[in-house]
PDB file of N, CA and C in Angstrom:
ATOM      1  N   THR A   1      -3.332   6.106   7.474  1.00  0.00           N
ATOM      2  CA  THR A   1      -3.509   7.531   7.564  1.00  0.00           C
ATOM      3  C   THR A   1      -4.960   7.856   7.989  1.00  0.00           C
ATOM      4  N   ASP A   2      -5.188   8.923   8.727  1.00  0.00           N
ATOM      5  CA  ASP A   2      -6.542   9.334   9.063  1.00  0.00           C
ATOM      6  C   ASP A   2      -6.970  10.549   8.230  1.00  0.00           C
ATOM      7  N   ASP A   3      -6.132  10.989   7.309  1.00  0.00           N
ATOM      8  CA  ASP A   3      -6.483  12.116   6.441  1.00  0.00           C
ATOM      9  C   ASP A   3      -7.424  11.732   5.387  1.00  0.00           C
ATOM     10  N   LYS A   4      -8.270  12.659   4.877  1.00  0.00           N
ATOM     11  CA  LYS A   4      -9.113  12.404   3.754  1.00  0.00           C
ATOM     12  C   LYS A   4      -8.231  12.490   2.482  1.00  0.00           C
ATOM     13  N   LEU A   5      -8.018  11.442   1.827  1.00  0.00           N
ATOM     14  CA  LEU A   5      -7.110  11.380   0.641  1.00  0.00           C
ATOM     15  C   LEU A   5      -7.840  10.743  -0.551  1.00  0.00           C
ATOM     16  N   VAL A   6      -7.274  11.014  -1.691  1.00  0.00           N
ATOM     17  CA  VAL A   6      -7.754  10.457  -2.967  1.00  0.00           C
ATOM     18  C   VAL A   6      -6.564   9.752  -3.631  1.00  0.00           C
ATOM     19  N   SER A   7      -6.858   8.972  -4.703  1.00  0.00           N
ATOM     20  CA  SER A   7      -5.814   8.174  -5.333  1.00  0.00           C
ATOM     21  C   SER A   7      -4.605   8.987  -5.833  1.00  0.00           C
ATOM     22  N   MET A   8      -4.854  10.195  -6.261  1.00  0.00           N
ATOM     23  CA  MET A   8      -3.728  11.047  -6.749  1.00  0.00           C
ATOM     24  C   MET A   8      -2.719  11.318  -5.622  1.00  0.00           C
ATOM     25  N   ASP A   9      -3.104  11.263  -4.387  1.00  0.00           N
ATOM     26  CA  ASP A   9      -2.246  11.544  -3.258  1.00  0.00           C
ATOM     27  C   ASP A   9      -1.135  10.447  -3.097  1.00  0.00           C
ATOM     28  N   PHE A  10      -1.317   9.305  -3.813  1.00  0.00           N
ATOM     29  CA  PHE A  10      -0.396   8.232  -3.621  1.00  0.00           C
ATOM     30  C   PHE A  10       0.467   7.939  -4.866  1.00  0.00           C
ATOM     31  N   ASN A  11       0.398   8.800  -5.842  1.00  0.00           N
ATOM     32  CA  ASN A  11       1.285   8.628  -7.025  1.00  0.00           C
ATOM     33  C   ASN A  11       2.731   8.637  -6.584  1.00  0.00           C
ATOM     34  N   HIS A  12       3.494   7.684  -7.066  1.00  0.00           N
ATOM     35  CA  HIS A  12       4.954   7.515  -6.760  1.00  0.00           C
ATOM     36  C   HIS A  12       5.214   7.360  -5.303  1.00  0.00           C
ATOM     37  N   ASP A  13       4.287   6.779  -4.527  1.00  0.00           N
ATOM     38  CA  ASP A  13       4.501   6.378  -3.175  1.00  0.00           C
ATOM     39  C   ASP A  13       5.215   5.057  -3.182  1.00  0.00           C
ATOM     40  N   ALA A  14       6.314   4.925  -2.478  1.00  0.00           N
ATOM     41  CA  ALA A  14       7.119   3.677  -2.529  1.00  0.00           C
ATOM     42  C   ALA A  14       6.518   2.552  -1.678  1.00  0.00           C
ATOM     43  N   HIS A  15       5.533   2.813  -0.862  1.00  0.00           N
ATOM     44  CA  HIS A  15       4.904   1.785  -0.073  1.00  0.00           C
ATOM     45  C   HIS A  15       4.111   0.820  -0.942  1.00  0.00           C
ATOM     46  N   SER A  16       3.972  -0.414  -0.558  1.00  0.00           N
ATOM     47  CA  SER A  16       3.241  -1.401  -1.290  1.00  0.00           C
ATOM     48  C   SER A  16       1.711  -0.996  -1.205  1.00  0.00           C
ATOM     49  N   SER A  17       1.319  -0.520  -0.072  1.00  0.00           N
ATOM     50  CA  SER A  17      -0.109  -0.188   0.206  1.00  0.00           C
ATOM     51  C   SER A  17      -0.209   0.732   1.403  1.00  0.00           C
ATOM     52  N   ILE A  18      -1.198   1.634   1.356  1.00  0.00           N
ATOM     53  CA  ILE A  18      -1.462   2.552   2.495  1.00  0.00           C
ATOM     54  C   ILE A  18      -2.877   2.250   2.988  1.00  0.00           C
ATOM     55  N   PHE A  19      -2.943   1.813   4.211  1.00  0.00           N
ATOM     56  CA  PHE A  19      -4.240   1.481   4.857  1.00  0.00           C
ATOM     57  C   PHE A  19      -5.018   2.752   5.161  1.00  0.00           C
ATOM     58  N   ALA A  20      -6.274   2.796   4.692  1.00  0.00           N
ATOM     59  CA  ALA A  20      -7.119   4.011   4.946  1.00  0.00           C
ATOM     60  C   ALA A  20      -8.021   3.683   6.127  1.00  0.00           C
ATOM     61  N   THR A  21      -7.682   4.198   7.318  1.00  0.00           N
ATOM     62  CA  THR A  21      -8.386   3.961   8.522  1.00  0.00           C
ATOM     63  C   THR A  21      -9.844   4.518   8.466  1.00  0.00           C
ATOM     64  N   ASP A  22      -9.989   5.634   7.796  1.00  0.00           N
ATOM     65  CA  ASP A  22     -11.312   6.288   7.766  1.00  0.00           C
ATOM     66  C   ASP A  22     -12.253   5.493   6.851  1.00  0.00           C
ATOM     67  N   GLN A  23     -11.819   4.587   6.077  1.00  0.00           N
ATOM     68  CA  GLN A  23     -12.689   3.796   5.169  1.00  0.00           C
ATOM     69  C   GLN A  23     -12.899   2.364   5.654  1.00  0.00           C
ATOM     70  N   THR A  24     -12.383   2.045   6.811  1.00  0.00           N
ATOM     71  CA  THR A  24     -12.568   0.672   7.344  1.00  0.00           C
ATOM     72  C   THR A  24     -13.942   0.571   8.006  1.00  0.00           C
ATOM     73  N   LYS A  25     -14.640  -0.424   7.703  1.00  0.00           N
ATOM     74  CA  LYS A  25     -16.015  -0.646   8.204  1.00  0.00           C
ATOM     75  C   LYS A  25     -16.162  -2.060   8.771  1.00  0.00           C
ATOM     76  N   VAL A  26     -16.626  -2.171  10.026  1.00  0.00           N
ATOM     77  CA  VAL A  26     -17.003  -3.499  10.549  1.00  0.00           C
ATOM     78  C   VAL A  26     -18.507  -3.584  10.633  1.00  0.00           C
ATOM     79  N   MET A  27     -19.056  -4.658  10.042  1.00  0.00           N
ATOM     80  CA  MET A  27     -20.511  -4.796   9.947  1.00  0.00           C
ATOM     81  C   MET A  27     -20.916  -6.009  10.693  1.00  0.00           C
ATOM     82  N   GLU A  28     -21.876  -5.851  11.655  1.00  0.00           N
ATOM     83  CA  GLU A  28     -22.450  -6.908  12.419  1.00  0.00           C
ATOM     84  C   GLU A  28     -21.411  -7.699  13.185  1.00  0.00           C
ATOM     85  N   GLY A  29     -20.229  -7.144  13.347  1.00  0.00           N
ATOM     86  CA  GLY A  29     -19.156  -7.858  14.138  1.00  0.00           C
ATOM     87  C   GLY A  29     -18.560  -9.085  13.471  1.00  0.00           C
ATOM     88  N   THR A  30     -19.061  -9.443  12.252  1.00  0.00           N
ATOM     89  CA  THR A  30     -18.499 -10.598  11.578  1.00  0.00           C
ATOM     90  C   THR A  30     -17.830 -10.346  10.258  1.00  0.00           C
ATOM     91  N   MET A  31     -18.086  -9.178   9.733  1.00  0.00           N
ATOM     92  CA  MET A  31     -17.465  -8.849   8.433  1.00  0.00           C
ATOM     93  C   MET A  31     -16.773  -7.512   8.496  1.00  0.00           C
ATOM     94  N   CYS A  32     -15.702  -7.422   7.726  1.00  0.00           N
ATOM     95  CA  CYS A  32     -14.874  -6.200   7.762  1.00  0.00           C
ATOM     96  C   CYS A  32     -14.537  -5.795   6.302  1.00  0.00           C
ATOM     97  N   ARG A  33     -14.732  -4.550   5.990  1.00  0.00           N
ATOM     98  CA  ARG A  33     -14.313  -4.016   4.698  1.00  0.00           C
ATOM     99  C   ARG A  33     -13.147  -3.089   4.958  1.00  0.00           C
ATOM    100  N   ILE A  34     -12.055  -3.316   4.243  1.00  0.00           N
ATOM    101  CA  ILE A  34     -10.800  -2.577   4.415  1.00  0.00           C
ATOM    102  C   ILE A  34     -10.432  -1.931   3.061  1.00  0.00           C
ATOM    103  N   LEU A  35     -10.139  -0.661   3.116  1.00  0.00           N
ATOM    104  CA  LEU A  35      -9.704   0.015   1.895  1.00  0.00           C
ATOM    105  C   LEU A  35      -8.246   0.361   2.028  1.00  0.00           C
ATOM    106  N   SER A  36      -7.521   0.131   0.915  1.00  0.00           N
ATOM    107  CA  SER A  36      -6.071   0.420   0.861  1.00  0.00           C
ATOM    108  C   SER A  36      -5.746   1.112  -0.475  1.00  0.00           C
ATOM    109  N   TRP A  37      -4.982   2.152  -0.381  1.00  0.00           N
ATOM    110  CA  TRP A  37      -4.552   2.840  -1.587  1.00  0.00           C
ATOM    111  C   TRP A  37      -3.144   2.389  -2.000  1.00  0.00           C
ATOM    112  N   TYR A  38      -2.897   2.398  -3.286  1.00  0.00           N
ATOM    113  CA  TYR A  38      -1.544   2.000  -3.815  1.00  0.00           C
ATOM    114  C   TYR A  38      -1.314   2.502  -5.192  1.00  0.00           C
ATOM    115  N   ASP A  39      -0.057   2.682  -5.568  1.00  0.00           N
ATOM    116  CA  ASP A  39       0.333   2.989  -6.893  1.00  0.00           C
ATOM    117  C   ASP A  39       0.998   1.708  -7.402  1.00  0.00           C
ATOM    118  N   ASN A  40       0.253   0.849  -8.077  1.00  0.00           N
ATOM    119  CA  ASN A  40       0.726  -0.516  -8.371  1.00  0.00           C
ATOM    120  C   ASN A  40       2.034  -0.520  -9.142  1.00  0.00           C
ATOM    121  N   GLU A  41       2.250   0.288 -10.150  1.00  0.00           N
ATOM    122  CA  GLU A  41       3.502   0.239 -10.874  1.00  0.00           C
ATOM    123  C   GLU A  41       4.704   0.702 -10.040  1.00  0.00           C
ATOM    124  N   TRP A  42       4.525   1.809  -9.335  1.00  0.00           N
ATOM    125  CA  TRP A  42       5.577   2.344  -8.529  1.00  0.00           C
ATOM    126  C   TRP A  42       5.897   1.456  -7.296  1.00  0.00           C
ATOM    127  N   GLY A  43       4.881   1.052  -6.619  1.00  0.00           N
ATOM    128  CA  GLY A  43       5.077   0.161  -5.458  1.00  0.00           C
ATOM    129  C   GLY A  43       5.761  -1.177  -5.902  1.00  0.00           C
ATOM    130  N   PHE A  44       5.266  -1.748  -7.011  1.00  0.00           N
ATOM    131  CA  PHE A  44       5.823  -2.980  -7.502  1.00  0.00           C
ATOM    132  C   PHE A  44       7.282  -2.810  -7.881  1.00  0.00           C
ATOM    133  N   SER A  45       7.522  -1.708  -8.575  1.00  0.00           N
ATOM    134  CA  SER A  45       8.954  -1.440  -8.933  1.00  0.00           C
ATOM    135  C   SER A  45       9.916  -1.295  -7.722  1.00  0.00           C
ATOM    136  N   ASN A  46       9.386  -0.678  -6.653  1.00  0.00           N
ATOM    137  CA  ASN A  46      10.168  -0.546  -5.452  1.00  0.00           C
ATOM    138  C   ASN A  46      10.397  -1.916  -4.775  1.00  0.00           C
ATOM    139  N   ARG A  47       9.410  -2.817  -4.830  1.00  0.00           N
ATOM    140  CA  ARG A  47       9.552  -4.126  -4.235  1.00  0.00           C
ATOM    141  C   ARG A  47      10.556  -4.924  -5.108  1.00  0.00           C
ATOM    142  N   MET A  48      10.539  -4.777  -6.392  1.00  0.00           N
ATOM    143  CA  MET A  48      11.552  -5.480  -7.268  1.00  0.00           C
ATOM    144  C   MET A  48      12.910  -4.944  -6.970  1.00  0.00           C
ATOM    145  N   LEU A  49      13.095  -3.674  -6.737  1.00  0.00           N
ATOM    146  CA  LEU A  49      14.373  -3.119  -6.382  1.00  0.00           C
ATOM    147  C   LEU A  49      14.859  -3.661  -5.086  1.00  0.00           C
ATOM    148  N   ASP A  50      13.957  -3.772  -4.116  1.00  0.00           N
ATOM    149  CA  ASP A  50      14.268  -4.355  -2.785  1.00  0.00           C
ATOM    150  C   ASP A  50      14.774  -5.798  -3.017  1.00  0.00           C
ATOM    151  N   THR A  51      14.106  -6.550  -3.820  1.00  0.00           N
ATOM    152  CA  THR A  51      14.478  -7.942  -4.121  1.00  0.00           C
ATOM    153  C   THR A  51      15.844  -8.010  -4.797  1.00  0.00           C
ATOM    154  N   ALA A  52      16.091  -7.165  -5.780  1.00  0.00           N
ATOM    155  CA  ALA A  52      17.419  -7.120  -6.435  1.00  0.00           C
ATOM    156  C   ALA A  52      18.524  -6.790  -5.522  1.00  0.00           C
ATOM    157  N   VAL A  53      18.263  -5.856  -4.622  1.00  0.00           N
ATOM    158  CA  VAL A  53      19.286  -5.483  -3.614  1.00  0.00           C
ATOM    159  C   VAL A  53      19.543  -6.664  -2.660  1.00  0.00           C
ATOM    160  N   ALA A  54      18.464  -7.324  -2.203  1.00  0.00           N
ATOM    161  CA  ALA A  54      18.642  -8.489  -1.361  1.00  0.00           C
ATOM    162  C   ALA A  54      19.422  -9.640  -1.990  1.00  0.00           C
ATOM    163  N   MET A  55      19.057  -9.889  -3.285  1.00  0.00           N
ATOM    164  CA  MET A  55      19.762 -10.944  -4.053  1.00  0.00           C
ATOM    165  C   MET A  55      21.247 -10.560  -4.276  1.00  0.00           C
ATOM    166  N   GLY A  56      21.459  -9.281  -4.524  1.00  0.00           N
ATOM    167  CA  GLY A  56      22.870  -8.820  -4.749  1.00  0.00           C
ATOM    168  C   GLY A  56      23.750  -9.109  -3.557  1.00  0.00           C
ATOM    169  N   LYS A  57      23.229  -9.163  -2.395  1.00  0.00           N
ATOM    170  CA  LYS A  57      24.029  -9.463  -1.175  1.00  0.00           C
ATOM    171  C   LYS A  57      24.660 -10.888  -1.196  1.00  0.00           C
ATOM    172  N   TYR A  58      24.015 -11.725  -1.995  1.00  0.00           N
ATOM    173  CA  TYR A  58      24.489 -13.116  -2.104  1.00  0.00           C
ATOM    174  C   TYR A  58      25.428 -13.373  -3.262  1.00  0.00           C
ATOM    175  N   LEU A  59      25.723 -12.343  -4.089  1.00  0.00           N
ATOM    176  CA  LEU A  59      26.651 -12.496  -5.187  1.00  0.00           C
ATOM    177  C   LEU A  59      28.043 -12.185  -4.814  1.00  0.00           C
TER     178      LEU A  59
END
């Protein structure tokens, strides 16, 4: 996203992580700092649900 956001904007977001383009910095062409927002409990729970659904297809 290119919007100016804060951590509260990502509560209950089902994505594992949201890449913050406005916070990415490249320094001296050799190092890169990347910022990513996430709601670890909610995102993890959604990935576990994805896993359970995928496993359920084999039962």
